[in-house]
Structures are given as C-alpha cells and as structure tokens.
Amino acid sequence: MAAAQRGDGVAFDELVRRHTATMYRVAFRILADRAEAEDAVQEAWVSAWRSLNRFRGDAAPTTWLYRVVTNAALGQVRRRRAVPMDVSDESMDHLIADDGTGNPEGHAVRSEEADLVHRAIATLEPSQRVPLVLREFEGMSYEEIAEVLEVNTAALRSRLHRARLALLAKLEEMRRG
C-alpha cells in the first residue's frame, strides 16, 4: 500500500490482483447483479486510486478497500432505488460452491437453500444487507465492519440484530410460499 501511495503502478496492480475477487464478491452480494457488481468494483478501484493519498494506515488496507467497494455498491443501490433486485437462480450459481462430498442430491438441496438465503438477503434494506454480508459471508469482525461502515460497534450490533430478524422473517415468508 505504501508503494502504491508513492505512485508505484506495479504495487497498485498487485493490490488489484490480490483484492478484486473479494471486492467483487462483496459487491455482488450487496447488488445481486453481476454487471452492477463489476461496475461497482471498477468504480471502487478508480476511487481507491484517486484517494490513495487519504489512506492514513489507521485501518488495514483490506478494511479500507472494503469501505471503498461497499460505498461504490451502495452508490449503485441509490441510483437504482426504485428498481427491484433480480436474484435469479442463474445469477447466484457462481456463489454456491460444491462441498466436495460427491452427493448430487445433497448439493442440490444445499444449492436450493443457499439460493433462498441469497434471494432473501437481496430483499433487505442496504443498511441491513451490507453488515450482514460483511459479517456472515466475509467473516469480518464487528470492529472491522464498524470501521468500514463508519459507525460504532453498538450501532453495528443493532443493525445486525435487525438484519438477522428481517432475514429470518423473509425466509419464513418465502418458504410458506
């Protein structure tokens, strides 16, 4: 990061190489649209390049990059506020990994359940969806997420609690039909 801040393009390229897949995963889980996630990641990298001088080192570079891509994805959400999210089976397929058991029936059930969870998450408000994605899918600590979202940990815990309740309610509703 320090080399990239000094204008070293090779160092910045290395950051891009190391973190693009994670940034895309976060953006996709927020946006549930491949093209929009790709746009958000590209926007995030442009923003990161332009604001490298503002990275103070208070946070880990990855935390800073999570903040940048989250902000880019939320910007996409704001721009399309009135358009409902399309979370088709096809759009989620690349996020559902095979567990390696070789049990196609078990994999199909897990894939179906994972798809249901992803569709339910997509219905949450961004203020609930983002911390839930960062915590449950990216495994970030409460402190890291609070830093990314620029809120205190108490506020974050409250958002996560509301998000989990909303997710459970939506899953129940979707299962009933």
C-alpha atoms as a PDB file:
ATOM      1  CA  MET A   1       0.000   0.000   0.000  1.00  0.00           C
ATOM      2  CA  ALA A   2       2.819   2.394   0.866  1.00  0.00           C
ATOM      3  CA  ALA A   3       4.458   1.837  -2.525  1.00  0.00           C
ATOM      4  CA  ALA A   4       1.152   2.403  -4.305  1.00  0.00           C
ATOM      5  CA  GLN A   5       0.699   5.631  -2.349  1.00  0.00           C
ATOM      6  CA  ARG A   6       4.075   6.772  -3.664  1.00  0.00           C
ATOM      7  CA  GLY A   7       2.750   6.298  -7.197  1.00  0.00           C
ATOM      8  CA  ASP A   8       4.134   2.823  -7.883  1.00  0.00           C
ATOM      9  CA  GLY A   9       1.764   1.459 -10.531  1.00  0.00           C
ATOM     10  CA  VAL A  10       3.128  -2.074 -10.188  1.00  0.00           C
ATOM     11  CA  ALA A  11       2.291  -2.035  -6.463  1.00  0.00           C
ATOM     12  CA  PHE A  12      -1.221  -0.795  -7.217  1.00  0.00           C
ATOM     13  CA  ASP A  13      -1.612  -3.535  -9.844  1.00  0.00           C
ATOM     14  CA  GLU A  14      -0.659  -6.051  -7.149  1.00  0.00           C
ATOM     15  CA  LEU A  15      -3.373  -4.658  -4.860  1.00  0.00           C
ATOM     16  CA  VAL A  16      -5.857  -5.029  -7.708  1.00  0.00           C
ATOM     17  CA  ARG A  17      -4.721  -8.594  -8.400  1.00  0.00           C
ATOM     18  CA  ARG A  18      -4.960  -9.622  -4.745  1.00  0.00           C
ATOM     19  CA  HIS A  19      -8.261  -7.978  -3.820  1.00  0.00           C
ATOM     20  CA  THR A  20     -10.508  -7.796  -6.880  1.00  0.00           C
ATOM     21  CA  ALA A  21     -12.148 -11.200  -6.335  1.00  0.00           C
ATOM     22  CA  THR A  22     -13.047 -10.352  -2.732  1.00  0.00           C
ATOM     23  CA  MET A  23     -14.288  -6.912  -3.712  1.00  0.00           C
ATOM     24  CA  TYR A  24     -16.435  -8.435  -6.452  1.00  0.00           C
ATOM     25  CA  ARG A  25     -17.886 -10.991  -4.028  1.00  0.00           C
ATOM     26  CA  VAL A  26     -18.865  -8.212  -1.613  1.00  0.00           C
ATOM     27  CA  ALA A  27     -20.324  -6.035  -4.364  1.00  0.00           C
ATOM     28  CA  PHE A  28     -22.262  -8.950  -5.833  1.00  0.00           C
ATOM     29  CA  ARG A  29     -23.751  -9.906  -2.510  1.00  0.00           C
ATOM     30  CA  ILE A  30     -24.863  -6.326  -1.976  1.00  0.00           C
ATOM     31  CA  LEU A  31     -26.170  -5.809  -5.515  1.00  0.00           C
ATOM     32  CA  ALA A  32     -27.156  -9.351  -6.642  1.00  0.00           C
ATOM     33  CA  ASP A  33     -26.327  -8.418 -10.230  1.00  0.00           C
ATOM     34  CA  ARG A  34     -23.114  -9.427 -11.996  1.00  0.00           C
ATOM     35  CA  ALA A  35     -22.847  -6.409 -14.276  1.00  0.00           C
ATOM     36  CA  GLU A  36     -23.585  -3.958 -11.486  1.00  0.00           C
ATOM     37  CA  ALA A  37     -21.086  -5.704  -9.203  1.00  0.00           C
ATOM     38  CA  GLU A  38     -18.424  -5.464 -11.893  1.00  0.00           C
ATOM     39  CA  ASP A  39     -19.238  -1.770 -12.360  1.00  0.00           C
ATOM     40  CA  ALA A  40     -19.065  -1.190  -8.608  1.00  0.00           C
ATOM     41  CA  VAL A  41     -15.665  -2.894  -8.373  1.00  0.00           C
ATOM     42  CA  GLN A  42     -14.326  -0.877 -11.273  1.00  0.00           C
ATOM     43  CA  GLU A  43     -15.685   2.303  -9.695  1.00  0.00           C
ATOM     44  CA  ALA A  44     -14.135   1.269  -6.375  1.00  0.00           C
ATOM     45  CA  TRP A  45     -10.690   0.784  -7.926  1.00  0.00           C
ATOM     46  CA  VAL A  46     -10.859   4.173  -9.653  1.00  0.00           C
ATOM     47  CA  SER A  47     -11.900   5.730  -6.361  1.00  0.00           C
ATOM     48  CA  ALA A  48      -9.144   3.883  -4.494  1.00  0.00           C
ATOM     49  CA  TRP A  49      -6.512   5.083  -6.972  1.00  0.00           C
ATOM     50  CA  ARG A  50      -7.725   8.673  -6.685  1.00  0.00           C
ATOM     51  CA  SER A  51      -7.835   8.606  -2.909  1.00  0.00           C
ATOM     52  CA  LEU A  52      -4.686   6.617  -2.108  1.00  0.00           C
ATOM     53  CA  ASN A  53      -3.195   9.723  -0.503  1.00  0.00           C
ATOM     54  CA  ARG A  54      -6.057   9.734   2.018  1.00  0.00           C
ATOM     55  CA  PHE A  55      -5.255   6.236   3.287  1.00  0.00           C
ATOM     56  CA  ARG A  56      -3.660   7.002   6.654  1.00  0.00           C
ATOM     57  CA  GLY A  57      -2.877   3.485   7.747  1.00  0.00           C
ATOM     58  CA  ASP A  58      -5.271   3.661  10.724  1.00  0.00           C
ATOM     59  CA  ALA A  59      -7.016   0.607   9.294  1.00  0.00           C
ATOM     60  CA  ALA A  60      -5.718  -2.389   7.416  1.00  0.00           C
ATOM     61  CA  PRO A  61      -5.618  -1.849   3.649  1.00  0.00           C
ATOM     62  CA  THR A  62      -8.249  -4.574   3.241  1.00  0.00           C
ATOM     63  CA  THR A  63     -10.620  -2.760   5.616  1.00  0.00           C
ATOM     64  CA  TRP A  64     -10.136   0.431   3.619  1.00  0.00           C
ATOM     65  CA  LEU A  65     -10.824  -1.447   0.364  1.00  0.00           C
ATOM     66  CA  TYR A  66     -13.984  -2.989   1.862  1.00  0.00           C
ATOM     67  CA  ARG A  67     -15.147   0.538   2.671  1.00  0.00           C
ATOM     68  CA  VAL A  68     -14.402   1.742  -0.851  1.00  0.00           C
ATOM     69  CA  VAL A  69     -16.232  -1.150  -2.570  1.00  0.00           C
ATOM     70  CA  THR A  70     -19.132  -1.013  -0.110  1.00  0.00           C
ATOM     71  CA  ASN A  71     -19.563   2.693  -0.821  1.00  0.00           C
ATOM     72  CA  ALA A  72     -19.432   2.038  -4.573  1.00  0.00           C
ATOM     73  CA  ALA A  73     -22.043  -0.731  -4.290  1.00  0.00           C
ATOM     74  CA  LEU A  74     -24.285   1.426  -2.104  1.00  0.00           C
ATOM     75  CA  GLY A  75     -23.969   4.176  -4.695  1.00  0.00           C
ATOM     76  CA  GLN A  76     -25.304   1.718  -7.269  1.00  0.00           C
ATOM     77  CA  VAL A  77     -28.189   0.844  -4.920  1.00  0.00           C
ATOM     78  CA  ARG A  78     -29.068   4.529  -4.514  1.00  0.00           C
ATOM     79  CA  ARG A  79     -29.007   5.076  -8.283  1.00  0.00           C
ATOM     80  CA  ARG A  80     -31.484   2.263  -8.893  1.00  0.00           C
ATOM     81  CA  ARG A  81     -33.577   2.699  -5.730  1.00  0.00           C
ATOM     82  CA  ALA A  82     -36.920   2.108  -7.462  1.00  0.00           C
ATOM     83  CA  VAL A  83     -35.801  -0.964  -9.421  1.00  0.00           C
ATOM     84  CA  PRO A  84     -36.323  -4.298  -7.612  1.00  0.00           C
ATOM     85  CA  MET A  85     -33.347  -6.648  -7.424  1.00  0.00           C
ATOM     86  CA  ASP A  86     -33.372  -9.610  -9.807  1.00  0.00           C
ATOM     87  CA  VAL A  87     -31.968 -12.556  -7.925  1.00  0.00           C
ATOM     88  CA  SER A  88     -32.499 -15.446 -10.290  1.00  0.00           C
ATOM     89  CA  ASP A  89     -31.098 -18.919  -9.777  1.00  0.00           C
ATOM     90  CA  GLU A  90     -28.683 -18.273 -12.646  1.00  0.00           C
ATOM     91  CA  SER A  91     -27.335 -15.065 -11.113  1.00  0.00           C
ATOM     92  CA  MET A  92     -26.448 -16.804  -7.840  1.00  0.00           C
ATOM     93  CA  ASP A  93     -24.984 -20.034  -9.241  1.00  0.00           C
ATOM     94  CA  HIS A  94     -21.384 -18.850  -9.181  1.00  0.00           C
ATOM     95  CA  LEU A  95     -21.569 -18.082  -5.438  1.00  0.00           C
ATOM     96  CA  ILE A  96     -22.763 -21.543  -4.440  1.00  0.00           C
ATOM     97  CA  ALA A  97     -19.773 -23.837  -4.069  1.00  0.00           C
ATOM     98  CA  ASP A  98     -19.803 -27.620  -4.290  1.00  0.00           C
ATOM     99  CA  ASP A  99     -18.996 -29.101  -0.905  1.00  0.00           C
ATOM    100  CA  GLY A 100     -16.908 -31.869  -2.465  1.00  0.00           C
ATOM    101  CA  THR A 101     -18.950 -34.728  -0.986  1.00  0.00           C
ATOM    102  CA  GLY A 102     -19.920 -36.020  -4.418  1.00  0.00           C
ATOM    103  CA  ASN A 103     -23.539 -36.223  -3.266  1.00  0.00           C
ATOM    104  CA  PRO A 104     -25.553 -34.538  -6.049  1.00  0.00           C
ATOM    105  CA  GLU A 105     -28.831 -34.713  -4.130  1.00  0.00           C
ATOM    106  CA  GLY A 106     -27.280 -33.121  -1.057  1.00  0.00           C
ATOM    107  CA  HIS A 107     -25.619 -30.483  -3.220  1.00  0.00           C
ATOM    108  CA  ALA A 108     -28.941 -29.730  -4.933  1.00  0.00           C
ATOM    109  CA  VAL A 109     -30.660 -29.250  -1.567  1.00  0.00           C
ATOM    110  CA  ARG A 110     -27.827 -27.039  -0.299  1.00  0.00           C
ATOM    111  CA  SER A 111     -27.861 -25.064  -3.556  1.00  0.00           C
ATOM    112  CA  GLU A 112     -31.609 -24.563  -3.274  1.00  0.00           C
ATOM    113  CA  GLU A 113     -31.290 -23.431   0.331  1.00  0.00           C
ATOM    114  CA  ALA A 114     -28.358 -21.129  -0.488  1.00  0.00           C
ATOM    115  CA  ASP A 115     -30.356 -19.605  -3.341  1.00  0.00           C
ATOM    116  CA  LEU A 116     -33.274 -18.995  -0.987  1.00  0.00           C
ATOM    117  CA  VAL A 117     -30.973 -17.283   1.523  1.00  0.00           C
ATOM    118  CA  HIS A 118     -29.381 -15.108  -1.178  1.00  0.00           C
ATOM    119  CA  ARG A 119     -32.787 -14.090  -2.525  1.00  0.00           C
ATOM    120  CA  ALA A 120     -33.940 -13.235   0.984  1.00  0.00           C
ATOM    121  CA  ILE A 121     -30.812 -11.193   1.688  1.00  0.00           C
ATOM    122  CA  ALA A 122     -31.379  -9.273  -1.539  1.00  0.00           C
ATOM    123  CA  THR A 123     -34.729  -8.054  -0.173  1.00  0.00           C
ATOM    124  CA  LEU A 124     -33.160  -6.459   2.912  1.00  0.00           C
ATOM    125  CA  GLU A 125     -32.559  -2.741   3.098  1.00  0.00           C
ATOM    126  CA  PRO A 126     -28.934  -1.868   2.280  1.00  0.00           C
ATOM    127  CA  SER A 127     -28.373  -0.727   5.884  1.00  0.00           C
ATOM    128  CA  GLN A 128     -29.128  -4.310   6.938  1.00  0.00           C
ATOM    129  CA  ARG A 129     -27.796  -6.190   3.904  1.00  0.00           C
ATOM    130  CA  VAL A 130     -24.275  -4.717   3.943  1.00  0.00           C
ATOM    131  CA  PRO A 131     -23.314  -5.530   7.545  1.00  0.00           C
ATOM    132  CA  LEU A 132     -24.880  -8.982   7.213  1.00  0.00           C
ATOM    133  CA  VAL A 133     -22.836  -9.725   4.080  1.00  0.00           C
ATOM    134  CA  LEU A 134     -19.623  -8.455   5.658  1.00  0.00           C
ATOM    135  CA  ARG A 135     -20.156 -10.440   8.853  1.00  0.00           C
ATOM    136  CA  GLU A 136     -21.693 -13.703   7.682  1.00  0.00           C
ATOM    137  CA  PHE A 137     -20.123 -14.114   4.249  1.00  0.00           C
ATOM    138  CA  GLU A 138     -16.843 -12.248   4.580  1.00  0.00           C
ATOM    139  CA  GLY A 139     -16.206 -13.193   8.221  1.00  0.00           C
ATOM    140  CA  MET A 140     -15.211  -9.696   9.258  1.00  0.00           C
ATOM    141  CA  SER A 141     -15.107  -8.787  12.948  1.00  0.00           C
ATOM    142  CA  TYR A 142     -17.598  -6.340  14.444  1.00  0.00           C
ATOM    143  CA  GLU A 143     -14.815  -3.793  14.825  1.00  0.00           C
ATOM    144  CA  GLU A 144     -13.768  -4.118  11.169  1.00  0.00           C
ATOM    145  CA  ILE A 145     -17.339  -3.777   9.918  1.00  0.00           C
ATOM    146  CA  ALA A 146     -17.973  -0.788  12.175  1.00  0.00           C
ATOM    147  CA  GLU A 147     -14.877   0.819  10.701  1.00  0.00           C
ATOM    148  CA  VAL A 148     -15.948   0.065   7.123  1.00  0.00           C
ATOM    149  CA  LEU A 149     -19.426   1.490   7.750  1.00  0.00           C
ATOM    150  CA  GLU A 150     -18.107   4.311   9.937  1.00  0.00           C
ATOM    151  CA  VAL A 151     -20.455   3.515  12.826  1.00  0.00           C
ATOM    152  CA  ASN A 152     -19.780   2.471  16.400  1.00  0.00           C
ATOM    153  CA  THR A 153     -19.950  -1.202  17.335  1.00  0.00           C
ATOM    154  CA  ALA A 154     -23.167  -0.748  19.324  1.00  0.00           C
ATOM    155  CA  ALA A 155     -24.915   0.669  16.252  1.00  0.00           C
ATOM    156  CA  LEU A 156     -23.476  -2.137  14.141  1.00  0.00           C
ATOM    157  CA  ARG A 157     -24.683  -4.825  16.544  1.00  0.00           C
ATOM    158  CA  SER A 158     -28.144  -3.271  16.461  1.00  0.00           C
ATOM    159  CA  ARG A 159     -28.150  -3.257  12.634  1.00  0.00           C
ATOM    160  CA  LEU A 160     -27.014  -6.866  12.524  1.00  0.00           C
ATOM    161  CA  HIS A 161     -29.683  -7.903  15.018  1.00  0.00           C
ATOM    162  CA  ARG A 162     -32.412  -6.191  12.953  1.00  0.00           C
ATOM    163  CA  ALA A 163     -30.947  -7.686   9.759  1.00  0.00           C
ATOM    164  CA  ARG A 164     -31.000 -11.212  11.163  1.00  0.00           C
ATOM    165  CA  LEU A 165     -34.581 -10.821  12.365  1.00  0.00           C
ATOM    166  CA  ALA A 166     -35.647  -9.420   8.987  1.00  0.00           C
ATOM    167  CA  LEU A 167     -33.815 -12.231   7.189  1.00  0.00           C
ATOM    168  CA  LEU A 168     -35.481 -14.912   9.303  1.00  0.00           C
ATOM    169  CA  ALA A 169     -38.900 -13.332   8.713  1.00  0.00           C
ATOM    170  CA  LYS A 170     -38.291 -13.147   4.953  1.00  0.00           C
ATOM    171  CA  LEU A 171     -37.071 -16.761   4.824  1.00  0.00           C
ATOM    172  CA  GLU A 172     -40.173 -17.890   6.692  1.00  0.00           C
ATOM    173  CA  GLU A 173     -42.367 -15.936   4.279  1.00  0.00           C
ATOM    174  CA  MET A 174     -40.592 -17.346   1.224  1.00  0.00           C
ATOM    175  CA  ARG A 175     -40.832 -20.925   2.497  1.00  0.00           C
ATOM    176  CA  ARG A 176     -44.573 -20.569   3.103  1.00  0.00           C
ATOM    177  CA  GLY A 177     -44.913 -19.595  -0.440  1.00  0.00           C
END
